[in-house]
Protein backbone atom coordinates (compact mmCIF):
# COMPACT_ATOMS: atom_id res chain seq x y z
CA UNK A 1 1.91 -33.95 27.98
CA UNK A 2 3.36 -32.71 31.24
CA UNK A 3 5.35 -29.57 30.47
CA UNK A 4 6.88 -27.92 33.53
CA UNK A 5 6.69 -24.10 33.62
CA UNK A 6 9.62 -21.79 34.04
CA UNK A 7 9.41 -21.12 37.76
CA UNK A 8 10.88 -17.64 37.40
CA UNK A 9 7.74 -16.72 35.45
CA UNK A 10 5.22 -18.98 37.20
CA UNK A 11 6.32 -19.80 40.78
CA UNK A 12 5.47 -23.27 42.05
CA UNK A 13 4.15 -22.26 45.44
CA UNK A 14 2.74 -18.98 46.72
CA UNK A 15 4.23 -17.65 49.94
CA UNK A 16 2.28 -19.15 52.87
CA UNK A 17 1.55 -15.77 54.48
CA UNK A 18 0.41 -14.29 51.17
CA UNK A 19 -1.79 -17.28 50.34
CA UNK A 20 -3.52 -16.96 53.70
CA UNK A 21 -4.43 -13.36 52.84
CA UNK A 22 -5.56 -14.24 49.33
CA UNK A 23 -7.74 -17.02 50.73
CA UNK A 24 -9.30 -14.61 53.20
CA UNK A 25 -10.05 -12.00 50.53
CA UNK A 26 -11.52 -14.68 48.27
CA UNK A 27 -13.63 -16.15 51.08
CA UNK A 28 -15.04 -12.73 51.98
CA UNK A 29 -16.09 -12.03 48.39
CA UNK A 30 -17.64 -15.50 48.27
CA UNK A 31 -19.60 -14.71 51.43
CA UNK A 32 -21.04 -11.63 49.74
CA UNK A 33 -21.92 -13.62 46.63
CA UNK A 34 -23.53 -16.34 48.74
CA UNK A 35 -25.86 -13.83 50.37
CA UNK A 36 -26.50 -12.27 46.98
CA UNK A 37 -27.83 -15.57 45.66
CA UNK A 38 -30.63 -15.35 48.23
CA UNK A 39 -31.45 -11.79 47.14
CA UNK A 40 -31.62 -13.01 43.55
CA UNK A 41 -34.04 -15.83 44.39
CA UNK A 42 -36.22 -13.56 46.54
CA UNK A 43 -36.43 -11.13 43.64
CA UNK A 44 -37.25 -13.87 41.11
CA UNK A 45 -39.98 -15.24 43.38
CA UNK A 46 -41.69 -11.87 43.66
CA UNK A 47 -44.54 -11.87 41.15
CA UNK A 48 -44.24 -9.11 38.56
CA UNK A 49 -45.89 -8.69 35.17
CA UNK A 50 -44.01 -7.83 31.99
CA UNK A 51 -40.61 -8.93 30.67
CA UNK A 52 -39.20 -5.49 31.44
CA UNK A 53 -39.50 -6.31 35.14
CA UNK A 54 -36.82 -8.97 34.76
CA UNK A 55 -34.12 -6.67 33.36
CA UNK A 56 -32.83 -5.56 36.81
CA UNK A 57 -32.77 -9.24 37.81
CA UNK A 58 -30.54 -10.05 34.84
CA UNK A 59 -28.19 -7.18 35.69
CA UNK A 60 -27.99 -8.41 39.28
CA UNK A 61 -27.31 -11.99 38.23
CA UNK A 62 -24.46 -10.83 36.02
CA UNK A 63 -23.04 -8.82 38.92
CA UNK A 64 -23.04 -11.96 41.08
CA UNK A 65 -21.31 -14.02 38.40
CA UNK A 66 -18.59 -11.41 37.88
CA UNK A 67 -18.00 -11.12 41.64
CA UNK A 68 -17.82 -14.90 41.96
CA UNK A 69 -15.26 -15.07 39.15
CA UNK A 70 -13.11 -12.39 40.80
CA UNK A 71 -13.16 -14.40 44.03
CA UNK A 72 -11.81 -17.45 42.19
CA UNK A 73 -9.05 -15.45 40.49
CA UNK A 74 -7.94 -13.68 43.67
CA UNK A 75 -7.46 -17.00 45.46
CA UNK A 76 -5.07 -18.01 42.67
CA UNK A 77 -3.29 -14.62 42.82
CA UNK A 78 -4.48 -13.78 39.29
CA UNK A 79 -4.89 -10.11 40.10
CA UNK A 80 -4.45 -8.45 36.70
CA UNK A 81 -7.11 -10.68 35.07
CA UNK A 82 -9.35 -9.79 38.03
CA UNK A 83 -9.10 -6.13 37.03
CA UNK A 84 -10.65 -6.93 33.65
CA UNK A 85 -13.65 -8.51 35.39
CA UNK A 86 -13.81 -5.68 37.91
CA UNK A 87 -14.12 -3.25 35.01
CA UNK A 88 -17.11 -5.26 33.76
CA UNK A 89 -18.48 -5.33 37.31
CA UNK A 90 -18.37 -1.53 37.40
CA UNK A 91 -20.26 -1.33 34.09
CA UNK A 92 -22.97 -3.68 35.32
CA UNK A 93 -23.21 -2.03 38.74
CA UNK A 94 -23.60 1.45 37.26
CA UNK A 95 -26.10 0.10 34.76
CA UNK A 96 -28.16 -1.33 37.61
CA UNK A 97 -27.93 1.90 39.63
CA UNK A 98 -29.09 3.94 36.65
CA UNK A 99 -31.86 1.48 35.87
CA UNK A 100 -33.29 1.64 39.39
CA UNK A 101 -32.70 5.37 40.05
CA UNK A 102 -35.99 6.43 38.44
CA UNK A 103 -38.27 5.61 35.50
CA UNK A 104 -37.39 1.95 35.93
CA UNK A 105 -39.86 0.63 33.36
CA UNK A 106 -38.87 3.13 30.66
CA UNK A 107 -35.19 2.45 31.24
CA UNK A 108 -35.74 -1.32 31.23
CA UNK A 109 -37.61 -1.03 27.94
CA UNK A 110 -34.76 1.13 26.62
CA UNK A 111 -32.34 -1.67 27.43
CA UNK A 112 -34.60 -4.23 25.74
CA UNK A 113 -34.93 -2.17 22.56
CA UNK A 114 -31.17 -1.48 22.47
CA UNK A 115 -30.35 -5.17 23.00
CA UNK A 116 -32.86 -6.29 20.35
CA UNK A 117 -31.51 -3.86 17.75
CA UNK A 118 -27.96 -4.99 18.51
CA UNK A 119 -28.94 -8.64 18.03
CA UNK A 120 -30.72 -7.89 14.75
CA UNK A 121 -27.71 -6.02 13.38
CA UNK A 122 -25.41 -8.88 14.30
CA UNK A 123 -27.59 -11.54 12.66
CA UNK A 124 -28.14 -9.44 9.52
CA UNK A 125 -24.44 -9.82 8.82
CA UNK A 126 -25.22 -13.43 7.89
CA UNK A 127 -27.97 -12.58 5.38
CA UNK A 128 -26.77 -11.64 1.87
CA UNK A 129 -29.52 -9.04 1.35
CA UNK A 130 -27.85 -6.66 3.81
CA UNK A 131 -24.71 -4.56 3.06
CA UNK A 132 -22.98 -5.61 6.29
CA UNK A 133 -23.06 -9.20 5.03
CA UNK A 134 -20.89 -8.40 2.01
CA UNK A 135 -18.17 -6.93 4.21
CA UNK A 136 -18.19 -9.96 6.52
CA UNK A 137 -17.96 -12.34 3.56
CA UNK A 138 -15.05 -10.40 2.16
CA UNK A 139 -13.16 -10.58 5.46
CA UNK A 140 -13.79 -14.31 5.81
CA UNK A 141 -12.68 -15.16 2.28
CA UNK A 142 -9.60 -12.97 2.58
CA UNK A 143 -8.56 -15.10 5.51
CA UNK A 144 -9.66 -18.46 4.05
CA UNK A 145 -10.74 -18.80 0.40
CA UNK A 146 -11.99 -22.34 1.00
CA UNK A 147 -14.36 -21.36 3.81
CA UNK A 148 -17.85 -22.89 3.16
CA UNK A 149 -19.79 -19.61 3.03
CA UNK A 150 -23.07 -21.27 2.02
CA UNK A 151 -23.23 -23.26 5.24
CA UNK A 152 -23.23 -20.17 7.43
CA UNK A 153 -25.02 -17.53 5.39
CA UNK A 154 -28.70 -17.14 4.46
CA UNK A 155 -29.85 -19.83 6.86
CA UNK A 156 -33.59 -20.04 7.50
CA UNK A 157 -33.19 -20.13 11.29
CA UNK A 158 -31.25 -16.86 11.17
CA UNK A 159 -33.91 -15.24 8.97
CA UNK A 160 -36.58 -16.43 11.40
CA UNK A 161 -34.65 -15.00 14.34
CA UNK A 162 -34.45 -11.60 12.64
CA UNK A 163 -38.19 -11.67 11.90
CA UNK A 164 -39.06 -12.56 15.50
CA UNK A 165 -36.83 -9.85 16.95
CA UNK A 166 -38.07 -7.26 14.44
CA UNK A 167 -41.67 -8.06 15.34
CA UNK A 168 -40.91 -7.33 18.99
CA UNK A 169 -40.00 -3.76 18.11
CA UNK A 170 -43.46 -3.30 16.59
CA UNK A 171 -45.26 -4.12 19.83
CA UNK A 172 -47.13 -1.17 21.45
CA UNK A 173 -45.06 -1.24 24.65
CA UNK A 174 -41.88 -0.61 22.65
CA UNK A 175 -43.26 2.07 20.35
CA UNK A 176 -42.19 5.13 22.36
CA UNK A 177 -38.74 3.76 23.17
CA UNK A 178 -38.06 2.58 19.61
CA UNK A 179 -38.90 6.05 18.28
CA UNK A 180 -36.65 7.54 20.96
CA UNK A 181 -33.79 5.23 19.94
CA UNK A 182 -33.98 6.50 16.36
CA UNK A 183 -34.32 10.10 17.55
CA UNK A 184 -31.21 9.77 19.73
CA UNK A 185 -29.32 8.04 16.95
CA UNK A 186 -30.05 10.86 14.49
CA UNK A 187 -29.68 13.71 16.96
CA UNK A 188 -26.30 12.60 18.30
CA UNK A 189 -25.17 11.08 15.02
CA UNK A 190 -24.37 7.77 16.66
CA UNK A 191 -24.55 4.42 14.88
CA UNK A 192 -25.36 2.54 18.08
CA UNK A 193 -26.38 4.79 21.00
CA UNK A 194 -26.21 3.14 24.43
CA UNK A 195 -29.48 2.22 26.11
CA UNK A 196 -28.86 4.74 28.90
CA UNK A 197 -28.39 7.51 26.31
CA UNK A 198 -32.06 7.45 25.36
CA UNK A 199 -34.37 10.23 26.60
CA UNK A 200 -31.39 12.63 26.79
CA UNK A 201 -29.43 10.34 29.09
CA UNK A 202 -25.61 10.12 29.44
CA UNK A 203 -23.78 9.88 26.11
CA UNK A 204 -21.19 7.34 27.28
CA UNK A 205 -19.90 5.50 30.33
CA UNK A 206 -17.87 8.47 31.54
CA UNK A 207 -20.97 10.68 31.50
CA UNK A 208 -22.94 7.90 33.19
CA UNK A 209 -20.32 7.86 35.96
CA UNK A 210 -20.65 11.63 36.34
CA UNK A 211 -24.44 11.40 36.40
CA UNK A 212 -24.22 8.85 39.22
CA UNK A 213 -21.64 11.00 41.09
CA UNK A 214 -18.92 8.41 40.65
CA UNK A 215 -16.39 10.31 38.55
CA UNK A 216 -13.51 9.59 40.94
CA UNK A 217 -14.10 5.85 40.79
CA UNK A 218 -14.10 6.10 37.01
CA UNK A 219 -10.80 7.99 36.97
CA UNK A 220 -8.91 5.89 39.50
CA UNK A 221 -10.33 2.45 38.79
CA UNK A 222 -12.22 2.07 35.52
CA UNK A 223 -9.80 4.12 33.42
CA UNK A 224 -6.81 2.39 35.01
CA UNK A 225 -8.30 -1.08 34.55
CA UNK A 226 -8.87 -0.29 30.87
CA UNK A 227 -5.14 -0.89 30.36
CA UNK A 228 -5.68 -4.53 31.32
CA UNK A 229 -8.34 -4.87 28.63
CA UNK A 230 -6.38 -3.14 25.88
CA UNK A 231 -2.81 -3.59 24.70
CA UNK A 232 -1.70 -0.31 26.36
CA UNK A 233 -0.94 -2.04 29.68
CA UNK A 234 1.52 -4.73 28.55
CA UNK A 235 4.70 -2.80 29.49
CA UNK A 236 3.93 -3.00 33.19
CA UNK A 237 5.05 -6.65 32.97
CA UNK A 238 8.65 -5.48 32.58
CA UNK A 239 10.45 -4.88 35.88
CA UNK A 240 13.82 -3.79 34.49
CA UNK A 241 15.30 -3.42 31.05
CA UNK A 242 18.81 -2.55 29.93
CA UNK A 243 20.98 -2.76 26.87
CA UNK A 244 21.71 -6.45 27.18
CA UNK A 245 19.10 -7.71 29.64
CA UNK A 246 15.48 -7.56 30.71
CA UNK A 247 13.45 -8.80 33.65
CA UNK A 248 9.83 -9.86 33.42
CA UNK A 249 7.55 -9.72 36.45
CA UNK A 250 6.10 -13.14 37.22
CA UNK A 251 2.51 -13.89 36.26
CA UNK A 252 0.04 -14.28 39.13
CA UNK A 253 1.69 -11.21 40.63
CA UNK A 254 -0.16 -10.17 43.81
CA UNK A 255 0.34 -6.41 43.45
CA UNK A 256 -2.98 -4.51 43.83
CA UNK A 257 -4.77 -7.53 45.32
CA UNK A 258 -6.00 -5.45 48.26
CA UNK A 259 -7.20 -2.67 45.97
CA UNK A 260 -9.08 -5.15 43.76
CA UNK A 261 -10.58 -6.80 46.84
CA UNK A 262 -11.81 -3.49 48.27
CA UNK A 263 -13.26 -2.29 44.96
CA UNK A 264 -15.05 -5.59 44.42
CA UNK A 265 -16.60 -5.59 47.88
CA UNK A 266 -17.62 -1.91 47.65
CA UNK A 267 -19.35 -2.37 44.29
CA UNK A 268 -21.11 -5.55 45.33
CA UNK A 269 -22.42 -4.09 48.59
CA UNK A 270 -23.60 -0.90 46.88
CA UNK A 271 -25.42 -2.96 44.24
CA UNK A 272 -27.00 -5.14 46.94
CA UNK A 273 -28.14 -2.08 48.88
CA UNK A 274 -29.84 -0.38 45.92
CA UNK A 275 -31.24 -3.63 44.54
CA UNK A 276 -32.80 -4.68 47.84
CA UNK A 277 -34.27 -1.25 48.58
CA UNK A 278 -35.92 -0.95 45.19
CA UNK A 279 -36.80 -4.51 44.26
CA UNK A 280 -37.41 -6.42 47.50
CA UNK A 281 -37.83 -3.83 50.28
CA UNK A 282 -39.40 -6.45 52.59
CA UNK A 283 -35.96 -8.12 52.72
CA UNK A 284 -34.01 -4.92 53.39
CA UNK A 285 -33.84 -5.46 57.14
CA UNK A 286 -32.50 -8.94 56.57
CA UNK A 287 -29.84 -7.49 54.29
CA UNK A 288 -28.88 -4.90 56.93
CA UNK A 289 -28.52 -7.54 59.66
CA UNK A 290 -26.27 -9.63 57.41
CA UNK A 291 -24.24 -6.60 56.33
CA UNK A 292 -23.53 -5.39 59.89
CA UNK A 293 -22.08 -8.79 60.73
CA UNK A 294 -20.13 -9.03 57.49
CA UNK A 295 -18.71 -5.51 57.93
CA UNK A 296 -16.80 -6.66 61.01
CA UNK A 297 -15.18 -9.51 59.08
CA UNK A 298 -14.41 -7.18 56.19
CA UNK A 299 -12.78 -4.53 58.40
CA UNK A 300 -10.69 -7.17 60.15
CA UNK A 301 -9.37 -8.40 56.79
CA UNK A 302 -8.42 -4.85 55.77
CA UNK A 303 -6.76 -3.82 59.03
CA UNK A 304 -4.83 -6.99 59.80
CA UNK A 305 -3.41 -7.84 56.39
CA UNK A 306 -0.29 -5.83 55.61
CA UNK A 307 1.71 -6.10 52.40
CA UNK A 308 5.32 -5.27 51.62
CA UNK A 309 5.42 -5.34 47.83
CA UNK A 310 8.78 -4.81 46.11
CA UNK A 311 9.66 -5.14 42.43
């Protein structure tokens, strides 16, 4: 099949001047990610004992992948989808900052316990002995009465997974944190408290932002980008509407591309700075040398690229 799009909705070619800017923004984010890959490898190669020591590494890797994805989308002028990833980037960046701020091991163990409990709860839905399984079965059969339930429920590999994960929670290194998880759950009457909520930590992402002194970023970026995740933001796709007509803004609309670019760079650089200082301090000078050179390229991209956006 070779269906041609409606070019009023999906233009065939991006304006040459605009594409040059989008390419530059994308290339700059890619440059940051490229340097970040070296930080990641340096961190992995540093010998550390204990699985908890790898949690910051996993956060950092996820940050790199999200930044790389945003770079790809910006080059294609897919700015609104970029906002969804930028929201995830903020969550991961703040998680990393909180993790490395203090009590790194305890907070890493908190994440591990939280993640393990979440996995166990999810897999228990596929074992008939647990109440959550009955609800899932009901929903499936309501949608499709012929669905082969027996093939997907009460499997031995799922039972084994639950046993393995449950045994992890019984290990001595998790004892204090597991007790704290249950204490927090009961005290705050939460079904699934966040890992950063343990030991009287922030109750939710808003409070985490306040704790990290980033309330303004939450208000002007994270909260705004939430509309791109949820259905509340769909009306912004309408440019004009009247009694007998309506106009839809084209997809791959470049509005806010500079804002998304700046926010992405700022969050990546801040994560790099904290990560390098705390995890691989011997490489901090190398990071600073790279950053001072990159900052010139970044400033040039901001100052020279001017937009005149009209709906």
